[in-house]
Structures are given as C-alpha cells and as structure tokens.
Amino acid sequence: LQLVESGGGLAQPGGSLTLSCAASGVTLDYYAVTWFRQAQGKEREGVSCISSSGTTTTYSDSVKGRFTITRDMSKNTVYLQMNSLKPEDTAVYYCAATISLNDYYCSRKDTEFEDWGQGTQVIVSS
C-alpha cells in the first residue's frame, strides 16, 4: 500500500483547502484512514478518521465543525475538506491507513498505523 497526499499549500485565514490521500497498490475498501498533522515543534495530532465503510467519522476538538473527511472508493482516495482555516492549522498533514474488519471503527492514535504517506504542507497565513 502506497499513500500519496496532495492539495496542501498556502491559504489565508478563513480560507479553504482540500487535501487528497490517494492509495495505490491495494484497494482502500478494507482500510480505515486517518489524517494526522504535525506542526513544527509539536506532537503529531490525529485530526480526523473515517472507517472502512465511511459510516464512522471522528474529529479532534480543534477542527470539529470546520473539517470534513470523506472517501471515494471509485477513486481509491480519501479527502479532507478544510474550511475556516486558522493560522494554528499550519502543519504538515499526513494520511495513514490500517486494515479494519470493523466497518464502524476508526482511530486517531498514531501507534495503530503502519502505512503512511509522505505528507503535504499546509500554511495558513495572511
């Protein structure tokens, strides 16, 4: 499984970006996927996750109500729509995937993941 993130860049406060996590090598149909971020000098944070079926999504308190995670199985891709961006959203964003036989389970704990993308930089600044 290879994961490639894209869609990062520079955005103004209050703006929007959509990140993509594209998988190759295997289908993501049986994987739960999580978006993490790591700001300079800070610990990695699990931002949002989606279960293999897409039925369950969770968000950290810091992004709840502003970010939306979705998956498109036909494109083997998971998205993170980020709205109302704040300077504190500045970080490198990573996606990670783990096989999940439970259609309703996903996790934002980084210790549960082995497959990671290379990251995409998001900078929120005026």
Protein backbone atom coordinates (compact mmCIF):
# COMPACT_ATOMS: atom_id res chain seq x y z
CA LEU A 1 0.00 0.00 0.00
CA GLN A 2 1.30 3.41 -1.01
CA LEU A 3 -0.36 6.62 0.10
CA VAL A 4 0.22 9.97 -1.57
CA GLU A 5 -1.09 13.21 -0.11
CA SER A 6 -1.72 16.30 -2.20
CA GLY A 7 -3.61 19.56 -2.06
CA GLY A 8 -1.57 21.41 0.51
CA GLY A 9 -0.38 24.96 0.03
CA LEU A 10 -0.81 28.49 1.25
CA ALA A 11 -4.22 29.70 2.38
CA GLN A 12 -5.44 32.85 4.05
CA PRO A 13 -7.15 32.74 7.43
CA GLY A 14 -10.78 31.91 6.84
CA GLY A 15 -9.96 30.20 3.58
CA SER A 16 -10.33 26.61 2.45
CA LEU A 17 -8.20 23.78 1.15
CA THR A 18 -8.98 20.21 0.21
CA LEU A 19 -6.38 17.54 0.85
CA SER A 20 -6.36 14.24 -1.01
CA CYS A 21 -4.92 10.92 0.08
CA ALA A 22 -4.62 8.64 -2.93
CA ALA A 23 -3.82 4.98 -2.49
CA SER A 24 -2.10 2.66 -4.91
CA GLY A 25 -1.15 -0.96 -4.73
CA VAL A 26 -4.28 -2.10 -2.95
CA THR A 27 -7.87 -1.00 -2.64
CA LEU A 28 -8.72 1.14 0.36
CA ASP A 29 -12.11 -0.57 0.69
CA TYR A 30 -10.97 -2.52 3.76
CA TYR A 31 -8.90 0.20 5.34
CA ALA A 32 -9.75 2.81 7.93
CA VAL A 33 -7.96 6.05 7.11
CA THR A 34 -6.85 8.86 9.35
CA TRP A 35 -5.48 12.32 8.73
CA PHE A 36 -2.74 13.47 11.09
CA ARG A 37 -0.87 16.72 11.29
CA GLN A 38 2.34 17.82 12.87
CA ALA A 39 3.23 21.44 13.42
CA GLN A 40 6.83 22.44 13.91
CA GLY A 41 7.93 21.71 17.45
CA LYS A 42 4.67 20.00 18.35
CA GLU A 43 3.49 16.43 18.70
CA ARG A 44 1.63 14.70 15.91
CA GLU A 45 -2.13 15.11 16.22
CA GLY A 46 -4.83 12.83 14.88
CA VAL A 47 -7.15 15.27 13.14
CA SER A 48 -9.85 13.09 11.64
CA CYS A 49 -10.55 9.48 10.76
CA ILE A 50 -13.02 7.55 8.62
CA SER A 51 -13.97 3.90 8.91
CA SER A 52 -13.61 1.46 6.02
CA SER A 53 -17.31 1.74 5.17
CA GLY A 54 -17.34 5.50 5.60
CA THR A 55 -20.05 5.12 8.22
CA THR A 56 -17.98 6.45 11.12
CA THR A 57 -16.03 9.70 11.15
CA THR A 58 -14.41 11.41 14.10
CA TYR A 59 -12.68 14.74 14.54
CA SER A 60 -10.38 16.34 17.05
CA ASP A 61 -11.91 19.20 19.00
CA SER A 62 -9.54 21.60 17.29
CA VAL A 63 -11.09 21.00 13.85
CA LYS A 64 -14.62 19.84 14.62
CA GLY A 65 -17.16 21.82 12.64
CA ARG A 66 -14.53 23.11 10.21
CA PHE A 67 -13.03 19.98 8.62
CA THR A 68 -14.83 17.17 6.82
CA ILE A 69 -13.38 13.78 5.93
CA THR A 70 -14.85 11.76 3.08
CA ARG A 71 -13.83 8.83 0.92
CA ASP A 72 -14.43 8.00 -2.73
CA MET A 73 -13.98 4.29 -3.24
CA SER A 74 -14.20 4.62 -7.02
CA LYS A 75 -11.10 6.82 -6.90
CA ASN A 76 -9.42 4.94 -4.04
CA THR A 77 -8.99 8.29 -2.33
CA VAL A 78 -9.79 9.92 0.99
CA TYR A 79 -10.30 13.66 1.23
CA LEU A 80 -10.04 16.24 3.98
CA GLN A 81 -12.05 19.38 3.27
CA MET A 82 -10.71 22.16 5.45
CA ASN A 83 -12.78 25.30 5.88
CA SER A 84 -12.45 28.39 8.07
CA LEU A 85 -8.73 27.81 8.26
CA LYS A 86 -6.77 29.32 11.12
CA PRO A 87 -3.04 30.05 11.46
CA GLU A 88 -2.87 27.26 14.03
CA ASP A 89 -3.86 24.78 11.30
CA THR A 90 -0.41 25.30 9.79
CA ALA A 91 1.32 21.91 9.78
CA VAL A 92 2.43 19.02 7.63
CA TYR A 93 -0.59 16.82 7.05
CA TYR A 94 -0.23 13.07 6.69
CA CYS A 95 -2.67 10.33 5.90
CA ALA A 96 -2.34 6.84 7.29
CA ALA A 97 -4.28 3.65 6.75
CA THR A 98 -4.86 0.43 8.64
CA ILE A 99 -6.77 -2.69 7.68
CA SER A 100 -10.05 -2.80 9.54
CA LEU A 101 -12.55 -5.64 9.55
CA ASN A 102 -14.91 -3.46 11.55
CA ASP A 103 -16.95 -1.26 9.23
CA TYR A 104 -17.62 1.19 12.05
CA TYR A 105 -14.19 1.62 13.63
CA CYS A 106 -11.51 4.19 13.05
CA SER A 107 -8.78 5.58 15.25
CA ARG A 108 -6.77 8.76 15.63
CA LYS A 109 -3.97 7.07 17.57
CA ASP A 110 -0.80 7.07 15.51
CA THR A 111 0.51 3.90 17.13
CA GLU A 112 -2.15 1.91 15.27
CA PHE A 113 -0.78 2.72 11.82
CA GLU A 114 1.98 1.25 9.72
CA ASP A 115 1.24 2.72 6.30
CA TRP A 116 1.85 6.46 5.98
CA GLY A 117 2.08 8.99 3.19
CA GLN A 118 4.93 11.47 2.80
CA GLY A 119 2.91 14.47 3.93
CA THR A 120 1.73 17.73 2.41
CA GLN A 121 2.47 21.15 3.86
CA VAL A 122 -0.39 23.48 4.79
CA ILE A 123 0.40 27.08 5.67
CA VAL A 124 -2.31 29.43 6.84
CA SER A 125 -1.14 33.00 6.83
CA SER A 126 -2.18 36.43 5.67
